[in-house]
Amino acid sequence: MNACEPKNAAPSQGRRRRGLSRSVVLVGLMGAGKTTIGRRLAKRLGLDFVDADEAIEEAAGLSVSEIFARYGEAQFREGERRVIARLISGPPKVIATGGGAFVDAQTRARVLESAIAVWLDADIDTLVERVSKRDHRPLLRDKDAGQVLRDLAAVRNPFYAQAQIRISSEPAPHHVAVDAIVAELRRLGESA
């Protein structure tokens, strides 16, 4: 296993990429479904799946929260840049990024140049419903999730809008988003 791929990445043995020459990188706010949809998309495309935050944690030997607490956001973003660049430079795969990754100018430029960025866009009510199901997001702890997400959307959505593909992540079965991504990949000339 590659040192930057988490233990739960799908095994690459026997996998065949179906004509994709680049990785597919999912971007969007927390709760947009990047990990859940990403796993299903990878299976559909016959590619490995990697959660970038898990890859960062594995590489650092610390959780994302611990990295932020010990070293600050600037150091985290530097490590995130390196890990995402390494993931993109390898064989095509589906990569779910953390919500702030695509906001970083260097990471965004690298993704747009070498991969296919897919913005999973969801309305605030849907995001609030999804993130309220689990209490593992330090950014939301003891805060109004709706207000935090509205504030993040105001800052981050203009960056996400630079992705080659934009998919609405609605409260619907996951295969609906996967089907939409596959259709857009085909439209871009990527056989999927």
N, C-alpha and C. Protein backbone atom coordinates (compact mmCIF):
# COMPACT_ATOMS: atom_id res chain seq x y z
N MET A 1 0.85 -1.19 0.00
CA MET A 1 0.00 0.00 0.00
C MET A 1 0.89 1.23 0.00
N ASN A 2 0.52 2.21 -0.78
CA ASN A 2 1.23 3.47 -0.84
C ASN A 2 1.13 4.16 0.51
N ALA A 3 2.20 4.78 0.96
CA ALA A 3 2.23 5.42 2.27
C ALA A 3 1.20 6.54 2.39
N CYS A 4 0.79 7.11 1.28
CA CYS A 4 -0.17 8.22 1.36
C CYS A 4 -1.59 7.76 1.18
N GLU A 5 -1.82 6.46 1.03
CA GLU A 5 -3.18 5.97 0.89
C GLU A 5 -3.62 5.32 2.20
N PRO A 6 -4.79 5.67 2.69
CA PRO A 6 -5.26 5.11 3.95
C PRO A 6 -5.56 3.62 3.82
N LYS A 7 -5.60 2.98 4.96
CA LYS A 7 -5.84 1.53 5.00
C LYS A 7 -7.16 1.14 4.37
N ASN A 8 -8.14 2.05 4.36
CA ASN A 8 -9.45 1.67 3.83
C ASN A 8 -9.58 1.95 2.33
N ALA A 9 -8.48 2.32 1.68
CA ALA A 9 -8.55 2.53 0.23
C ALA A 9 -8.88 1.20 -0.43
N ALA A 10 -9.66 1.26 -1.48
CA ALA A 10 -10.02 0.03 -2.18
C ALA A 10 -8.77 -0.59 -2.78
N PRO A 11 -8.65 -1.89 -2.76
CA PRO A 11 -7.47 -2.53 -3.30
C PRO A 11 -7.35 -2.30 -4.80
N SER A 12 -6.12 -2.09 -5.25
CA SER A 12 -5.94 -1.81 -6.67
C SER A 12 -5.73 -3.08 -7.48
N GLN A 13 -5.50 -4.22 -6.82
CA GLN A 13 -5.32 -5.47 -7.55
C GLN A 13 -6.56 -5.77 -8.36
N GLY A 14 -6.36 -6.05 -9.62
CA GLY A 14 -7.49 -6.42 -10.46
C GLY A 14 -8.33 -5.24 -10.92
N ARG A 15 -8.03 -4.05 -10.44
CA ARG A 15 -8.80 -2.87 -10.84
C ARG A 15 -8.35 -2.43 -12.22
N ARG A 16 -9.29 -1.97 -13.00
CA ARG A 16 -8.96 -1.41 -14.31
C ARG A 16 -9.58 -0.04 -14.40
N ARG A 17 -8.80 0.91 -14.78
CA ARG A 17 -9.38 2.23 -15.02
C ARG A 17 -10.05 2.17 -16.37
N ARG A 18 -11.21 2.69 -16.43
CA ARG A 18 -12.01 2.59 -17.65
C ARG A 18 -11.83 3.83 -18.50
N GLY A 19 -10.61 4.02 -18.98
CA GLY A 19 -10.38 5.11 -19.90
C GLY A 19 -10.07 6.44 -19.25
N LEU A 20 -10.15 6.56 -17.95
CA LEU A 20 -9.84 7.83 -17.31
C LEU A 20 -8.33 8.01 -17.29
N SER A 21 -7.88 9.14 -17.76
CA SER A 21 -6.45 9.42 -17.78
C SER A 21 -6.03 10.26 -16.58
N ARG A 22 -7.02 10.79 -15.85
CA ARG A 22 -6.73 11.66 -14.71
C ARG A 22 -7.57 11.23 -13.52
N SER A 23 -7.11 11.61 -12.34
CA SER A 23 -7.88 11.38 -11.13
C SER A 23 -9.09 12.30 -11.10
N VAL A 24 -10.12 11.87 -10.37
CA VAL A 24 -11.31 12.66 -10.13
C VAL A 24 -11.22 13.13 -8.68
N VAL A 25 -11.24 14.45 -8.48
CA VAL A 25 -11.07 15.04 -7.16
C VAL A 25 -12.38 15.71 -6.75
N LEU A 26 -12.98 15.22 -5.67
CA LEU A 26 -14.25 15.77 -5.18
C LEU A 26 -13.98 16.90 -4.20
N VAL A 27 -14.64 18.03 -4.44
CA VAL A 27 -14.49 19.21 -3.59
C VAL A 27 -15.87 19.67 -3.14
N GLY A 28 -15.91 20.43 -2.06
CA GLY A 28 -17.18 20.96 -1.56
C GLY A 28 -17.15 21.08 -0.05
N LEU A 29 -18.19 21.67 0.48
CA LEU A 29 -18.29 21.88 1.92
C LEU A 29 -18.47 20.56 2.67
N MET A 30 -18.21 20.60 3.96
CA MET A 30 -18.45 19.43 4.79
C MET A 30 -19.93 19.06 4.69
N GLY A 31 -20.19 17.77 4.60
CA GLY A 31 -21.55 17.29 4.48
C GLY A 31 -22.05 17.18 3.05
N ALA A 32 -21.23 17.59 2.08
CA ALA A 32 -21.67 17.53 0.68
C ALA A 32 -21.71 16.10 0.16
N GLY A 33 -21.03 15.18 0.83
CA GLY A 33 -21.05 13.78 0.41
C GLY A 33 -19.80 13.33 -0.31
N LYS A 34 -18.71 14.06 -0.14
CA LYS A 34 -17.49 13.74 -0.88
C LYS A 34 -16.99 12.32 -0.61
N THR A 35 -16.98 11.91 0.64
CA THR A 35 -16.49 10.56 0.97
C THR A 35 -17.49 9.49 0.56
N THR A 36 -18.74 9.67 0.91
CA THR A 36 -19.75 8.67 0.60
C THR A 36 -19.94 8.49 -0.90
N ILE A 37 -20.10 9.59 -1.60
CA ILE A 37 -20.27 9.53 -3.06
C ILE A 37 -18.96 9.09 -3.70
N GLY A 38 -17.85 9.55 -3.16
CA GLY A 38 -16.54 9.18 -3.70
C GLY A 38 -16.30 7.68 -3.69
N ARG A 39 -16.65 7.02 -2.60
CA ARG A 39 -16.49 5.56 -2.53
C ARG A 39 -17.32 4.87 -3.61
N ARG A 40 -18.56 5.31 -3.76
CA ARG A 40 -19.45 4.69 -4.76
C ARG A 40 -18.99 4.99 -6.19
N LEU A 41 -18.51 6.22 -6.41
CA LEU A 41 -18.01 6.59 -7.73
C LEU A 41 -16.77 5.76 -8.08
N ALA A 42 -15.87 5.59 -7.13
CA ALA A 42 -14.66 4.80 -7.38
C ALA A 42 -15.03 3.38 -7.75
N LYS A 43 -15.97 2.81 -7.03
CA LYS A 43 -16.40 1.44 -7.34
C LYS A 43 -16.99 1.37 -8.75
N ARG A 44 -17.83 2.35 -9.08
CA ARG A 44 -18.46 2.39 -10.40
C ARG A 44 -17.42 2.51 -11.52
N LEU A 45 -16.38 3.33 -11.27
CA LEU A 45 -15.36 3.56 -12.29
C LEU A 45 -14.25 2.51 -12.28
N GLY A 46 -14.25 1.64 -11.27
CA GLY A 46 -13.19 0.63 -11.17
C GLY A 46 -11.87 1.25 -10.75
N LEU A 47 -11.94 2.30 -9.94
CA LEU A 47 -10.74 3.00 -9.47
C LEU A 47 -10.61 2.87 -7.96
N ASP A 48 -9.43 3.13 -7.46
CA ASP A 48 -9.22 3.20 -6.02
C ASP A 48 -9.84 4.49 -5.50
N PHE A 49 -10.21 4.49 -4.22
CA PHE A 49 -10.73 5.66 -3.54
C PHE A 49 -9.77 6.04 -2.42
N VAL A 50 -9.50 7.34 -2.29
CA VAL A 50 -8.67 7.83 -1.19
C VAL A 50 -9.33 9.07 -0.59
N ASP A 51 -9.47 9.06 0.73
CA ASP A 51 -9.91 10.25 1.46
C ASP A 51 -8.64 11.01 1.82
N ALA A 52 -8.47 12.23 1.28
CA ALA A 52 -7.24 12.99 1.47
C ALA A 52 -6.97 13.27 2.94
N ASP A 53 -8.01 13.57 3.73
CA ASP A 53 -7.78 13.82 5.16
C ASP A 53 -7.23 12.58 5.85
N GLU A 54 -7.73 11.40 5.50
CA GLU A 54 -7.20 10.17 6.08
C GLU A 54 -5.76 9.93 5.65
N ALA A 55 -5.45 10.26 4.40
CA ALA A 55 -4.08 10.11 3.91
C ALA A 55 -3.14 11.06 4.64
N ILE A 56 -3.61 12.27 4.93
CA ILE A 56 -2.81 13.25 5.68
C ILE A 56 -2.58 12.75 7.09
N GLU A 57 -3.63 12.24 7.73
CA GLU A 57 -3.50 11.71 9.09
C GLU A 57 -2.51 10.56 9.14
N GLU A 58 -2.61 9.68 8.16
CA GLU A 58 -1.70 8.54 8.12
C GLU A 58 -0.26 9.00 7.92
N ALA A 59 -0.04 9.94 7.02
CA ALA A 59 1.31 10.44 6.75
C ALA A 59 1.89 11.16 7.97
N ALA A 60 1.05 11.91 8.69
CA ALA A 60 1.52 12.69 9.84
C ALA A 60 1.52 11.90 11.15
N GLY A 61 0.74 10.83 11.19
CA GLY A 61 0.62 10.09 12.45
C GLY A 61 -0.20 10.86 13.48
N LEU A 62 -0.98 11.83 13.02
CA LEU A 62 -1.81 12.66 13.89
C LEU A 62 -3.15 12.88 13.21
N SER A 63 -4.19 13.18 13.99
CA SER A 63 -5.48 13.52 13.41
C SER A 63 -5.41 14.94 12.85
N VAL A 64 -6.33 15.27 11.97
CA VAL A 64 -6.39 16.63 11.42
C VAL A 64 -6.50 17.64 12.56
N SER A 65 -7.35 17.35 13.55
CA SER A 65 -7.52 18.26 14.69
C SER A 65 -6.20 18.45 15.44
N GLU A 66 -5.46 17.35 15.63
CA GLU A 66 -4.17 17.45 16.32
C GLU A 66 -3.15 18.25 15.51
N ILE A 67 -3.15 18.07 14.20
CA ILE A 67 -2.23 18.83 13.36
C ILE A 67 -2.53 20.32 13.48
N PHE A 68 -3.82 20.69 13.40
CA PHE A 68 -4.21 22.09 13.54
C PHE A 68 -3.78 22.63 14.91
N ALA A 69 -4.04 21.85 15.97
CA ALA A 69 -3.73 22.31 17.33
C ALA A 69 -2.23 22.47 17.55
N ARG A 70 -1.45 21.53 17.06
CA ARG A 70 0.01 21.58 17.29
C ARG A 70 0.75 22.52 16.37
N TYR A 71 0.35 22.54 15.10
CA TYR A 71 1.16 23.24 14.10
C TYR A 71 0.45 24.39 13.40
N GLY A 72 -0.87 24.47 13.53
CA GLY A 72 -1.60 25.56 12.91
C GLY A 72 -2.04 25.22 11.49
N GLU A 73 -2.92 26.08 10.98
CA GLU A 73 -3.49 25.82 9.66
C GLU A 73 -2.46 25.90 8.54
N ALA A 74 -1.52 26.83 8.63
CA ALA A 74 -0.53 26.98 7.55
C ALA A 74 0.27 25.69 7.35
N GLN A 75 0.70 25.07 8.44
CA GLN A 75 1.46 23.82 8.33
C GLN A 75 0.57 22.70 7.82
N PHE A 76 -0.68 22.68 8.28
CA PHE A 76 -1.61 21.66 7.79
C PHE A 76 -1.78 21.78 6.28
N ARG A 77 -2.01 23.01 5.80
CA ARG A 77 -2.22 23.22 4.36
C ARG A 77 -0.98 22.82 3.56
N GLU A 78 0.20 23.06 4.11
CA GLU A 78 1.42 22.65 3.40
C GLU A 78 1.47 21.12 3.27
N GLY A 79 1.18 20.42 4.35
CA GLY A 79 1.14 18.96 4.28
C GLY A 79 0.03 18.48 3.35
N GLU A 80 -1.11 19.13 3.40
CA GLU A 80 -2.23 18.78 2.53
C GLU A 80 -1.84 18.96 1.06
N ARG A 81 -1.15 20.06 0.74
CA ARG A 81 -0.68 20.30 -0.63
C ARG A 81 0.19 19.14 -1.12
N ARG A 82 1.14 18.74 -0.28
CA ARG A 82 2.06 17.67 -0.67
C ARG A 82 1.32 16.34 -0.87
N VAL A 83 0.44 16.00 0.05
CA VAL A 83 -0.28 14.73 -0.05
C VAL A 83 -1.19 14.71 -1.28
N ILE A 84 -1.93 15.78 -1.51
CA ILE A 84 -2.83 15.81 -2.67
C ILE A 84 -2.02 15.77 -3.97
N ALA A 85 -0.91 16.47 -4.02
CA ALA A 85 -0.05 16.43 -5.22
C ALA A 85 0.45 15.01 -5.48
N ARG A 86 0.83 14.32 -4.42
CA ARG A 86 1.31 12.94 -4.56
C ARG A 86 0.18 12.02 -5.03
N LEU A 87 -1.00 12.21 -4.48
CA LEU A 87 -2.14 11.38 -4.88
C LEU A 87 -2.49 11.59 -6.35
N ILE A 88 -2.48 12.85 -6.77
CA ILE A 88 -2.84 13.17 -8.16
C ILE A 88 -1.78 12.65 -9.13
N SER A 89 -0.53 12.66 -8.71
CA SER A 89 0.54 12.26 -9.63
C SER A 89 0.59 10.75 -9.85
N GLY A 90 -0.10 9.99 -9.02
CA GLY A 90 -0.13 8.55 -9.18
C GLY A 90 -1.17 8.14 -10.21
N PRO A 91 -1.46 6.84 -10.25
CA PRO A 91 -2.49 6.35 -11.18
C PRO A 91 -3.84 7.02 -10.89
N PRO A 92 -4.70 7.13 -11.89
CA PRO A 92 -6.02 7.74 -11.67
C PRO A 92 -6.78 7.06 -10.54
N LYS A 93 -7.43 7.88 -9.74
CA LYS A 93 -8.22 7.40 -8.61
C LYS A 93 -9.27 8.45 -8.30
N VAL A 94 -10.17 8.14 -7.40
CA VAL A 94 -11.15 9.11 -6.91
C VAL A 94 -10.65 9.60 -5.55
N ILE A 95 -10.54 10.91 -5.40
CA ILE A 95 -9.99 11.51 -4.19
C ILE A 95 -11.03 12.45 -3.58
N ALA A 96 -11.36 12.22 -2.32
CA ALA A 96 -12.23 13.13 -1.58
C ALA A 96 -11.33 14.06 -0.78
N THR A 97 -11.52 15.37 -0.94
CA THR A 97 -10.68 16.33 -0.23
C THR A 97 -11.43 16.92 0.95
N GLY A 98 -10.67 17.51 1.86
CA GLY A 98 -11.27 18.27 2.94
C GLY A 98 -11.86 19.54 2.37
N GLY A 99 -12.80 20.14 3.09
CA GLY A 99 -13.51 21.31 2.60
C GLY A 99 -12.65 22.50 2.24
N GLY A 100 -11.52 22.66 2.90
CA GLY A 100 -10.66 23.82 2.64
C GLY A 100 -9.57 23.59 1.61
N ALA A 101 -9.37 22.37 1.18
CA ALA A 101 -8.25 22.05 0.29
C ALA A 101 -8.28 22.84 -1.00
N PHE A 102 -9.44 22.91 -1.65
CA PHE A 102 -9.55 23.54 -2.96
C PHE A 102 -9.49 25.06 -2.87
N VAL A 103 -9.63 25.59 -1.66
CA VAL A 103 -9.52 27.04 -1.45
C VAL A 103 -8.06 27.47 -1.55
N ASP A 104 -7.15 26.57 -1.20
CA ASP A 104 -5.72 26.86 -1.28
C ASP A 104 -5.32 27.01 -2.76
N ALA A 105 -4.73 28.15 -3.10
CA ALA A 105 -4.43 28.46 -4.51
C ALA A 105 -3.52 27.42 -5.16
N GLN A 106 -2.49 26.96 -4.46
CA GLN A 106 -1.57 25.98 -5.05
C GLN A 106 -2.25 24.64 -5.27
N THR A 107 -3.00 24.20 -4.28
CA THR A 107 -3.71 22.92 -4.41
C THR A 107 -4.73 23.00 -5.54
N ARG A 108 -5.49 24.09 -5.58
CA ARG A 108 -6.51 24.26 -6.61
C ARG A 108 -5.88 24.24 -8.01
N ALA A 109 -4.77 24.97 -8.18
CA ALA A 109 -4.10 25.01 -9.48
C ALA A 109 -3.63 23.62 -9.88
N ARG A 110 -3.08 22.89 -8.93
CA ARG A 110 -2.59 21.53 -9.22
C ARG A 110 -3.73 20.61 -9.63
N VAL A 111 -4.84 20.68 -8.89
CA VAL A 111 -5.99 19.83 -9.20
C VAL A 111 -6.54 20.19 -10.59
N LEU A 112 -6.72 21.46 -10.86
CA LEU A 112 -7.31 21.88 -12.14
C LEU A 112 -6.40 21.54 -13.33
N GLU A 113 -5.10 21.54 -13.09
CA GLU A 113 -4.14 21.24 -14.16
C GLU A 113 -4.03 19.74 -14.43
N SER A 114 -4.08 18.94 -13.36
CA SER A 114 -3.73 17.52 -13.50
C SER A 114 -4.86 16.53 -13.24
N ALA A 115 -6.03 17.01 -12.84
CA ALA A 115 -7.13 16.11 -12.48
C ALA A 115 -8.44 16.72 -12.96
N ILE A 116 -9.52 16.05 -12.63
CA ILE A 116 -10.86 16.56 -12.92
C ILE A 116 -11.51 16.87 -11.57
N ALA A 117 -11.78 18.14 -11.34
CA ALA A 117 -12.40 18.56 -10.09
C ALA A 117 -13.92 18.49 -10.24
N VAL A 118 -14.56 17.91 -9.24
CA VAL A 118 -16.03 17.81 -9.21
C VAL A 118 -16.51 18.49 -7.94
N TRP A 119 -17.29 19.56 -8.10
CA TRP A 119 -17.86 20.26 -6.95
C TRP A 119 -19.19 19.62 -6.62
N LEU A 120 -19.27 19.03 -5.43
CA LEU A 120 -20.53 18.51 -4.92
C LEU A 120 -21.18 19.67 -4.15
N ASP A 121 -22.17 20.26 -4.74
CA ASP A 121 -22.82 21.45 -4.21
C ASP A 121 -24.14 21.06 -3.57
N ALA A 122 -24.31 21.43 -2.33
CA ALA A 122 -25.55 21.13 -1.61
C ALA A 122 -26.05 22.38 -0.92
N ASP A 123 -27.37 22.51 -0.77
CA ASP A 123 -27.91 23.67 -0.07
C ASP A 123 -27.63 23.56 1.42
N ILE A 124 -27.67 24.69 2.10
CA ILE A 124 -27.29 24.74 3.52
C ILE A 124 -28.16 23.84 4.38
N ASP A 125 -29.46 23.78 4.14
CA ASP A 125 -30.34 22.93 4.96
C ASP A 125 -29.93 21.46 4.85
N THR A 126 -29.59 21.02 3.64
CA THR A 126 -29.15 19.64 3.44
C THR A 126 -27.83 19.40 4.18
N LEU A 127 -26.90 20.35 4.07
CA LEU A 127 -25.61 20.20 4.76
C LEU A 127 -25.80 20.13 6.28
N VAL A 128 -26.65 21.02 6.82
CA VAL A 128 -26.89 21.03 8.27
C VAL A 128 -27.46 19.69 8.71
N GLU A 129 -28.41 19.18 7.96
CA GLU A 129 -29.01 17.88 8.32
C GLU A 129 -27.94 16.78 8.32
N ARG A 130 -27.08 16.78 7.32
CA ARG A 130 -26.06 15.74 7.22
C ARG A 130 -24.99 15.85 8.31
N VAL A 131 -24.50 17.07 8.58
CA VAL A 131 -23.43 17.20 9.57
C VAL A 131 -23.94 17.03 10.99
N SER A 132 -25.23 17.20 11.22
CA SER A 132 -25.77 17.05 12.57
C SER A 132 -25.89 15.59 12.98
N LYS A 133 -25.73 14.68 12.04
CA LYS A 133 -25.84 13.25 12.35
C LYS A 133 -24.62 12.71 13.07
N ARG A 134 -23.50 13.42 12.96
CA ARG A 134 -22.26 12.97 13.60
C ARG A 134 -21.59 14.15 14.27
N ASP A 135 -20.96 13.90 15.40
CA ASP A 135 -20.33 14.97 16.16
C ASP A 135 -18.80 14.83 16.10
N HIS A 136 -18.24 14.90 14.89
CA HIS A 136 -16.80 14.75 14.78
C HIS A 136 -16.14 15.93 14.08
N ARG A 137 -16.87 17.00 13.89
CA ARG A 137 -16.33 18.14 13.16
C ARG A 137 -16.02 19.27 14.14
N PRO A 138 -14.74 19.45 14.46
CA PRO A 138 -14.37 20.47 15.45
C PRO A 138 -14.80 21.88 15.06
N LEU A 139 -14.86 22.16 13.78
CA LEU A 139 -15.24 23.48 13.31
C LEU A 139 -16.68 23.83 13.70
N LEU A 140 -17.49 22.80 13.94
CA LEU A 140 -18.90 23.03 14.27
C LEU A 140 -19.21 22.88 15.76
N ARG A 141 -18.27 22.38 16.53
CA ARG A 141 -18.54 22.10 17.94
C ARG A 141 -18.97 23.36 18.68
N ASP A 142 -20.10 23.26 19.35
CA ASP A 142 -20.67 24.36 20.15
C ASP A 142 -20.98 25.61 19.32
N LYS A 143 -21.28 25.42 18.04
CA LYS A 143 -21.60 26.55 17.17
C LYS A 143 -22.88 26.24 16.40
N ASP A 144 -23.48 27.26 15.84
CA ASP A 144 -24.66 27.12 14.99
C ASP A 144 -24.17 26.61 13.63
N ALA A 145 -24.44 25.33 13.34
CA ALA A 145 -23.94 24.71 12.12
C ALA A 145 -24.41 25.47 10.88
N GLY A 146 -25.65 25.91 10.87
CA GLY A 146 -26.16 26.65 9.71
C GLY A 146 -25.38 27.92 9.45
N GLN A 147 -25.08 28.67 10.52
CA GLN A 147 -24.35 29.93 10.34
C GLN A 147 -22.91 29.65 9.90
N VAL A 148 -22.27 28.66 10.51
CA VAL A 148 -20.89 28.31 10.11
C VAL A 148 -20.87 27.92 8.64
N LEU A 149 -21.81 27.09 8.21
CA LEU A 149 -21.83 26.63 6.82
C LEU A 149 -22.16 27.77 5.86
N ARG A 150 -23.06 28.68 6.24
CA ARG A 150 -23.35 29.84 5.39
C ARG A 150 -22.09 30.70 5.22
N ASP A 151 -21.37 30.91 6.33
CA ASP A 151 -20.15 31.71 6.28
C ASP A 151 -19.09 31.04 5.40
N LEU A 152 -18.94 29.73 5.57
CA LEU A 152 -17.97 28.99 4.76
C LEU A 152 -18.35 29.03 3.28
N ALA A 153 -19.64 28.86 3.00
CA ALA A 153 -20.11 28.87 1.61
C ALA A 153 -19.82 30.22 0.95
N ALA A 154 -20.02 31.30 1.69
CA ALA A 154 -19.78 32.63 1.13
C ALA A 154 -18.32 32.79 0.70
N VAL A 155 -17.42 32.22 1.46
CA VAL A 155 -16.00 32.32 1.15
C VAL A 155 -15.56 31.27 0.12
N ARG A 156 -16.01 30.04 0.29
CA ARG A 156 -15.47 28.93 -0.50
C ARG A 156 -16.17 28.66 -1.82
N ASN A 157 -17.45 28.94 -1.94
CA ASN A 157 -18.17 28.60 -3.17
C ASN A 157 -17.57 29.22 -4.43
N PRO A 158 -17.06 30.47 -4.38
CA PRO A 158 -16.43 30.99 -5.59
C PRO A 158 -15.21 30.16 -6.04
N PHE A 159 -14.51 29.55 -5.10
CA PHE A 159 -13.38 28.68 -5.46
C PHE A 159 -13.89 27.35 -6.01
N TYR A 160 -14.88 26.77 -5.32
CA TYR A 160 -15.45 25.51 -5.79
C TYR A 160 -16.01 25.65 -7.21
N ALA A 161 -16.54 26.83 -7.52
CA ALA A 161 -17.16 27.07 -8.82
C ALA A 161 -16.15 26.96 -9.97
N GLN A 162 -14.86 26.92 -9.66
CA GLN A 162 -13.84 26.77 -10.70
C GLN A 162 -13.66 25.32 -11.13
N ALA A 163 -14.29 24.39 -10.43
CA ALA A 163 -14.21 22.97 -10.79
C ALA A 163 -14.77 22.75 -12.19
N GLN A 164 -14.23 21.76 -12.88
CA GLN A 164 -14.69 21.45 -14.24
C GLN A 164 -16.13 20.93 -14.26
N ILE A 165 -16.54 20.29 -13.16
CA ILE A 165 -17.87 19.69 -13.07
C ILE A 165 -18.54 20.18 -11.78
N ARG A 166 -19.82 20.52 -11.88
CA ARG A 166 -20.61 20.89 -10.70
C ARG A 166 -21.83 19.98 -10.65
N ILE A 167 -22.00 19.31 -9.53
CA ILE A 167 -23.11 18.37 -9.34
C ILE A 167 -23.88 18.79 -8.10
N SER A 168 -25.18 18.80 -8.20
CA SER A 168 -26.02 19.09 -7.05
C SER A 168 -26.11 17.84 -6.19
N SER A 169 -25.69 17.97 -4.94
CA SER A 169 -25.74 16.86 -3.99
C SER A 169 -27.00 17.03 -3.15
N GLU A 170 -28.06 16.41 -3.61
CA GLU A 170 -29.37 16.57 -2.99
C GLU A 170 -29.69 15.40 -2.09
N PRO A 171 -30.73 15.55 -1.25
CA PRO A 171 -31.17 14.41 -0.45
C PRO A 171 -31.83 13.38 -1.37
N ALA A 172 -31.03 12.59 -2.02
CA ALA A 172 -31.49 11.56 -2.95
C ALA A 172 -30.54 10.37 -2.82
N PRO A 173 -30.89 9.23 -3.36
CA PRO A 173 -29.96 8.10 -3.32
C PRO A 173 -28.62 8.50 -3.95
N HIS A 174 -27.55 7.98 -3.38
CA HIS A 174 -26.20 8.35 -3.82
C HIS A 174 -25.95 8.05 -5.30
N HIS A 175 -26.61 7.02 -5.81
CA HIS A 175 -26.36 6.66 -7.21
C HIS A 175 -26.79 7.79 -8.16
N VAL A 176 -27.69 8.66 -7.72
CA VAL A 176 -28.12 9.78 -8.56
C VAL A 176 -26.94 10.71 -8.82
N ALA A 177 -26.19 11.05 -7.76
CA ALA A 177 -25.00 11.90 -7.91
C ALA A 177 -23.92 11.18 -8.71
N VAL A 178 -23.74 9.89 -8.43
CA VAL A 178 -22.73 9.11 -9.16
C VAL A 178 -23.07 9.08 -10.64
N ASP A 179 -24.33 8.81 -10.98
CA ASP A 179 -24.76 8.80 -12.39
C ASP A 179 -24.49 10.16 -13.05
N ALA A 180 -24.78 11.24 -12.32
CA ALA A 180 -24.58 12.59 -12.87
C ALA A 180 -23.09 12.86 -13.13
N ILE A 181 -22.23 12.42 -12.21
CA ILE A 181 -20.78 12.61 -12.39
C ILE A 181 -20.30 11.81 -13.59
N VAL A 182 -20.72 10.57 -13.70
CA VAL A 182 -20.31 9.73 -14.83
C VAL A 182 -20.75 10.36 -16.15
N ALA A 183 -21.96 10.89 -16.19
CA ALA A 183 -22.45 11.55 -17.41
C ALA A 183 -21.60 12.76 -17.75
N GLU A 184 -21.21 13.53 -16.75
CA GLU A 184 -20.38 14.72 -16.99
C GLU A 184 -18.96 14.32 -17.42
N LEU A 185 -18.43 13.24 -16.87
CA LEU A 185 -17.11 12.76 -17.30
C LEU A 185 -17.15 12.39 -18.78
N ARG A 186 -18.22 11.73 -19.18
CA ARG A 186 -18.38 11.37 -20.59
C ARG A 186 -18.47 12.63 -21.46
N ARG A 187 -19.22 13.62 -20.98
CA ARG A 187 -19.36 14.88 -21.71
C ARG A 187 -18.00 15.55 -21.92
N LEU A 188 -17.10 15.41 -20.93
CA LEU A 188 -15.76 15.98 -21.02
C LEU A 188 -14.82 15.12 -21.87
N GLY A 189 -15.33 13.98 -22.37
CA GLY A 189 -14.51 13.12 -23.21
C GLY A 189 -13.73 12.07 -22.45
N GLU A 190 -14.04 11.93 -21.16
CA GLU A 190 -13.41 10.88 -20.35
C GLU A 190 -14.33 9.68 -20.40
N SER A 191 -13.82 8.53 -20.88
CA SER A 191 -14.69 7.36 -20.87
C SER A 191 -14.82 6.86 -19.46
N ALA A 192 -16.03 6.69 -19.06
CA ALA A 192 -16.27 6.22 -17.70
C ALA A 192 -17.21 5.04 -17.73
